[in-house]
Amino acid sequence: LQRIAKRDNLTLRETQLPQLWIIVPSASKKTLSGFAANSRPSWPKGIYHLPAHLKTGIIVINQLPKTPDTLWLRLLGKGKVQGEAISELLALPQNEPLRSKALQLLANWKIALDYSGIDEPGELPMQLTQAYLEWEQETKRQGRIEGHEEGRIEGREEGRIEGREEGREEGREEGREEGRIEGREEGRIEGREEGREEGSEVKQREIALNLLQLGFSIELVVEVTGLSLEQIQQLQRRLDDSSQN
């Protein structure tokens, strides 16, 4: 910090200087006195401060109060203090964030001890085993929750894809069926219309033929029947041919 302050031409205040903390499982009064360590009324029990210019403090784990705030530190203790801290940890609710993190720490500790071959005295190995089993169960439970959630998400996505595909196929099939129905209906309508038109033309031909037989001029028959000049001329030729025969 002093090097950075000098480089940046800054002045460090006393409160900005770092504080060194020494964490020990236990400490006798003689040891604390030898370092001139003193407790302060505003600080919890088990925390001691050395002379101000040393900017150093000592945390004596076995003297700390048994509160959730000191649980992490008490896990680093020894013997009964550590055992009680592990028991407190295992008793925490499963949704407590501290529990999950601390269980992982203790599980890693157990694995490290197993690989190192070091035999820890007392009940620590058994407590670490219990913590490891709890961590394993918690990990599996969390894995099942995450897997179930991922499964739901994937299932919904697959369902939407399949639903859209089935919907498109059903839509195409319905469209084809509707098209066939509409086509048949339009065909019937057009057929009836064409039939009516053809029937009307036949009737007009009969009228034209009768008028020609009565001696009406071709131009008048065209005007009366609405048939074309060519059609009337064809009818006239038919009459002429039949009269010659």
Protein backbone atom coordinates (compact mmCIF):
# COMPACT_ATOMS: atom_id res chain seq x y z
CA LEU A 1 0.00 0.00 0.00
CA GLN A 2 2.81 2.38 0.83
CA ARG A 3 4.46 1.67 -2.53
CA ILE A 4 1.21 2.34 -4.38
CA ALA A 5 0.61 5.51 -2.36
CA LYS A 6 4.12 6.75 -3.11
CA ARG A 7 3.72 6.00 -6.81
CA ASP A 8 0.39 7.84 -6.95
CA ASN A 9 1.61 10.63 -4.67
CA LEU A 10 -1.02 9.85 -2.04
CA THR A 11 -0.95 10.02 1.73
CA LEU A 12 -2.10 6.94 3.64
CA ARG A 13 -4.16 7.48 6.75
CA GLU A 14 -3.62 5.28 9.77
CA THR A 15 -7.03 3.68 9.33
CA GLN A 16 -6.12 2.62 5.78
CA LEU A 17 -3.19 0.46 6.87
CA PRO A 18 -3.90 -3.31 6.93
CA GLN A 19 -4.56 -5.20 10.16
CA LEU A 20 -2.88 -8.57 10.81
CA TRP A 21 -5.00 -11.22 12.57
CA ILE A 22 -3.44 -14.25 14.21
CA ILE A 23 -5.91 -17.14 14.71
CA VAL A 24 -5.02 -19.74 17.35
CA PRO A 25 -7.04 -22.65 18.84
CA SER A 26 -6.16 -21.54 22.37
CA ALA A 27 -3.81 -19.21 24.24
CA SER A 28 -2.84 -18.96 27.89
CA LYS A 29 -2.96 -15.72 29.87
CA LYS A 30 0.83 -15.82 30.07
CA THR A 31 1.13 -15.98 26.28
CA LEU A 32 -1.30 -13.13 25.76
CA SER A 33 0.42 -11.07 28.43
CA GLY A 34 3.80 -11.70 26.79
CA PHE A 35 2.51 -10.11 23.58
CA ALA A 36 0.88 -7.28 25.55
CA ALA A 37 -2.44 -8.36 24.09
CA ASN A 38 -5.51 -6.80 25.64
CA SER A 39 -9.23 -7.33 25.15
CA ARG A 40 -11.55 -4.42 24.45
CA PRO A 41 -15.07 -3.98 25.86
CA SER A 42 -16.50 -3.17 22.42
CA TRP A 43 -15.14 -6.40 20.90
CA PRO A 44 -16.42 -9.97 21.48
CA LYS A 45 -14.74 -12.24 23.99
CA GLY A 46 -11.70 -14.08 22.62
CA ILE A 47 -10.44 -11.20 20.47
CA TYR A 48 -7.29 -9.40 21.63
CA HIS A 49 -5.35 -6.42 20.31
CA LEU A 50 -1.62 -5.87 20.45
CA PRO A 51 -0.15 -2.36 20.87
CA ALA A 52 -1.56 0.06 18.31
CA HIS A 53 1.61 0.54 16.24
CA LEU A 54 1.84 -3.21 15.57
CA LYS A 55 -1.65 -3.22 13.98
CA THR A 56 -2.06 -6.87 14.98
CA GLY A 57 -4.80 -8.81 16.71
CA ILE A 58 -5.14 -12.34 18.12
CA ILE A 59 -8.29 -14.48 17.86
CA VAL A 60 -8.43 -17.25 20.47
CA ILE A 61 -10.95 -19.74 19.10
CA ASN A 62 -11.84 -21.59 22.30
CA GLN A 63 -12.80 -18.30 23.95
CA LEU A 64 -15.17 -17.10 21.23
CA PRO A 65 -18.90 -16.89 22.05
CA LYS A 66 -21.05 -19.65 20.50
CA THR A 67 -22.93 -17.60 17.93
CA PRO A 68 -23.60 -18.04 14.20
CA ASP A 69 -21.14 -15.21 13.52
CA THR A 70 -18.25 -17.20 15.05
CA LEU A 71 -19.17 -20.61 13.57
CA TRP A 72 -16.66 -20.42 10.73
CA LEU A 73 -13.83 -19.62 13.13
CA ARG A 74 -14.85 -22.29 15.65
CA LEU A 75 -14.72 -24.91 12.88
CA LEU A 76 -10.98 -24.20 12.83
CA GLY A 77 -10.65 -25.00 16.53
CA LYS A 78 -9.65 -28.27 18.16
CA GLY A 79 -11.26 -31.00 20.19
CA LYS A 80 -14.54 -30.18 21.87
CA VAL A 81 -14.76 -26.67 20.39
CA GLN A 82 -14.44 -27.99 16.85
CA GLY A 83 -16.82 -30.90 17.52
CA GLU A 84 -19.52 -28.58 18.85
CA ALA A 85 -19.09 -26.30 15.83
CA ILE A 86 -19.54 -29.25 13.45
CA SER A 87 -22.68 -30.33 15.34
CA GLU A 88 -24.07 -26.79 15.10
CA LEU A 89 -23.34 -26.80 11.39
CA LEU A 90 -25.16 -30.09 10.78
CA ALA A 91 -28.17 -28.78 12.72
CA LEU A 92 -28.58 -25.74 10.46
CA PRO A 93 -31.57 -25.72 8.05
CA GLN A 94 -30.84 -27.15 4.60
CA ASN A 95 -31.61 -23.81 2.95
CA GLU A 96 -29.00 -22.02 5.06
CA PRO A 97 -26.19 -20.85 2.67
CA LEU A 98 -23.54 -21.19 5.40
CA ARG A 99 -24.39 -24.88 5.84
CA SER A 100 -23.79 -25.80 2.21
CA LYS A 101 -20.47 -23.93 2.01
CA ALA A 102 -19.16 -25.28 5.31
CA LEU A 103 -20.19 -28.86 4.46
CA GLN A 104 -18.21 -28.63 1.25
CA LEU A 105 -15.19 -27.37 3.19
CA LEU A 106 -15.40 -30.23 5.71
CA ALA A 107 -15.94 -32.80 2.93
CA ASN A 108 -12.77 -31.57 1.21
CA TRP A 109 -10.97 -31.78 4.55
CA LYS A 110 -12.01 -35.41 5.01
CA ILE A 111 -10.91 -36.31 1.47
CA ALA A 112 -7.53 -34.63 2.08
CA LEU A 113 -7.07 -36.56 5.34
CA ASP A 114 -7.98 -39.86 3.66
CA TYR A 115 -5.39 -39.32 0.96
CA SER A 116 -2.68 -38.10 3.34
CA GLY A 117 -2.98 -41.11 5.65
CA ILE A 118 -2.82 -38.86 8.73
CA ASP A 119 -4.78 -40.22 11.70
CA GLU A 120 -6.57 -37.42 13.52
CA PRO A 121 -7.16 -38.10 17.22
CA GLY A 122 -10.52 -38.06 18.99
CA GLU A 123 -13.92 -37.86 17.37
CA LEU A 124 -12.88 -35.62 14.47
CA PRO A 125 -12.68 -38.42 11.84
CA MET A 126 -16.19 -39.60 12.71
CA GLN A 127 -17.57 -36.05 12.64
CA LEU A 128 -15.89 -35.35 9.32
CA THR A 129 -17.38 -38.56 7.94
CA GLN A 130 -20.84 -37.44 9.05
CA ALA A 131 -20.27 -34.03 7.49
CA TYR A 132 -19.10 -35.70 4.28
CA LEU A 133 -22.23 -37.88 4.12
CA GLU A 134 -24.41 -34.82 4.72
CA TRP A 135 -22.58 -32.97 1.95
CA GLU A 136 -22.96 -35.95 -0.40
CA GLN A 137 -26.72 -36.12 0.24
CA GLU A 138 -27.05 -32.37 -0.19
CA THR A 139 -25.14 -32.53 -3.48
CA LYS A 140 -27.36 -35.35 -4.77
CA ARG A 141 -30.50 -33.51 -3.68
CA GLN A 142 -29.38 -30.35 -5.40
CA GLY A 143 -28.48 -32.37 -8.48
CA ARG A 144 -31.94 -33.91 -8.57
CA ILE A 145 -33.56 -30.48 -8.25
CA GLU A 146 -31.42 -29.02 -11.03
CA GLY A 147 -31.92 -32.12 -13.19
CA HIS A 148 -35.67 -31.98 -12.67
CA GLU A 149 -35.74 -28.31 -13.60
CA GLU A 150 -33.59 -28.89 -16.69
CA GLY A 151 -35.85 -31.80 -17.63
CA ARG A 152 -38.93 -29.59 -17.38
CA ILE A 153 -37.34 -26.91 -19.52
CA GLU A 154 -36.20 -29.41 -22.15
CA GLY A 155 -39.58 -31.15 -22.05
CA ARG A 156 -41.44 -27.89 -22.58
CA GLU A 157 -39.16 -26.98 -25.48
CA GLU A 158 -39.55 -30.40 -27.10
CA GLY A 159 -43.30 -30.22 -26.51
CA ARG A 160 -43.50 -26.83 -28.20
CA ILE A 161 -41.50 -28.10 -31.18
CA GLU A 162 -43.61 -31.24 -31.51
CA GLY A 163 -46.80 -29.23 -30.98
CA ARG A 164 -45.87 -26.75 -33.69
CA GLU A 165 -44.99 -29.59 -36.08
CA GLU A 166 -48.22 -31.45 -35.32
CA GLY A 167 -50.16 -28.20 -35.61
CA ARG A 168 -48.63 -27.47 -39.02
CA GLU A 169 -49.38 -31.01 -40.20
CA GLU A 170 -52.96 -30.83 -38.91
CA GLY A 171 -53.32 -27.41 -40.48
CA ARG A 172 -52.08 -28.69 -43.83
CA GLU A 173 -54.43 -31.69 -43.65
CA GLU A 174 -57.38 -29.48 -42.67
CA GLY A 175 -56.45 -27.07 -45.44
CA ARG A 176 -56.36 -29.86 -48.00
CA GLU A 177 -59.72 -31.19 -46.78
CA GLU A 178 -61.25 -27.73 -46.82
CA GLY A 179 -59.80 -27.20 -50.28
CA ARG A 180 -61.35 -30.42 -51.52
CA ILE A 181 -64.72 -29.47 -50.03
CA GLU A 182 -64.55 -25.96 -51.45
CA GLY A 183 -63.39 -27.35 -54.80
CA ARG A 184 -66.31 -29.76 -54.99
CA GLU A 185 -68.73 -27.01 -53.99
CA GLU A 186 -67.29 -24.59 -56.54
CA GLY A 187 -67.39 -27.36 -59.16
CA ARG A 188 -71.05 -28.00 -58.48
CA ILE A 189 -71.83 -24.29 -58.67
CA GLU A 190 -69.85 -23.86 -61.88
CA GLY A 191 -71.44 -27.01 -63.31
CA ARG A 192 -74.92 -25.76 -62.57
CA GLU A 193 -74.04 -22.39 -64.03
CA GLU A 194 -72.60 -23.92 -67.16
CA GLY A 195 -75.62 -26.20 -67.42
CA ARG A 196 -77.96 -23.26 -67.17
CA GLU A 197 -75.97 -21.37 -69.80
CA GLU A 198 -75.95 -24.35 -72.14
CA GLY A 199 -79.67 -24.90 -71.58
CA SER A 200 -80.40 -21.26 -72.31
CA GLU A 201 -78.37 -21.41 -75.52
CA VAL A 202 -80.24 -24.52 -76.69
CA LYS A 203 -83.53 -22.79 -76.03
CA GLN A 204 -82.41 -19.71 -77.95
CA ARG A 205 -81.37 -21.92 -80.88
CA GLU A 206 -84.84 -23.47 -80.95
CA ILE A 207 -86.43 -20.01 -80.95
CA ALA A 208 -84.08 -18.85 -83.70
CA LEU A 209 -84.85 -21.93 -85.79
CA ASN A 210 -88.60 -21.33 -85.48
CA LEU A 211 -88.21 -17.67 -86.45
CA LEU A 212 -86.15 -18.58 -89.51
CA GLN A 213 -88.78 -21.15 -90.54
CA LEU A 214 -91.39 -18.39 -90.29
CA GLY A 215 -89.35 -16.29 -92.72
CA PHE A 216 -87.84 -13.72 -90.36
CA SER A 217 -84.62 -12.15 -91.58
CA ILE A 218 -81.28 -13.30 -90.17
CA GLU A 219 -80.54 -9.82 -88.76
CA LEU A 220 -83.85 -9.75 -86.86
CA VAL A 221 -83.32 -13.25 -85.47
CA VAL A 222 -79.84 -12.23 -84.23
CA GLU A 223 -81.33 -9.22 -82.48
CA VAL A 224 -84.19 -11.18 -80.90
CA THR A 225 -82.26 -14.26 -79.69
CA GLY A 226 -78.92 -12.68 -78.84
CA LEU A 227 -77.09 -15.45 -80.72
CA SER A 228 -74.17 -14.57 -82.95
CA LEU A 229 -74.52 -13.97 -86.67
CA GLU A 230 -72.44 -17.05 -87.36
CA GLN A 231 -74.72 -19.22 -85.22
CA ILE A 232 -77.86 -17.93 -87.03
CA GLN A 233 -76.23 -18.46 -90.43
CA GLN A 234 -75.42 -22.06 -89.47
CA LEU A 235 -79.06 -22.61 -88.50
CA GLN A 236 -80.18 -21.11 -91.79
CA ARG A 237 -77.90 -23.46 -93.74
CA ARG A 238 -79.36 -26.41 -91.83
CA LEU A 239 -82.87 -25.31 -92.84
CA ASP A 240 -81.83 -24.86 -96.46
CA ASP A 241 -80.21 -28.31 -96.56
CA SER A 242 -83.25 -29.99 -95.02
CA SER A 243 -85.64 -28.27 -97.47
CA GLN A 244 -83.59 -29.44 -100.46
CA ASN A 245 -83.68 -33.00 -99.23
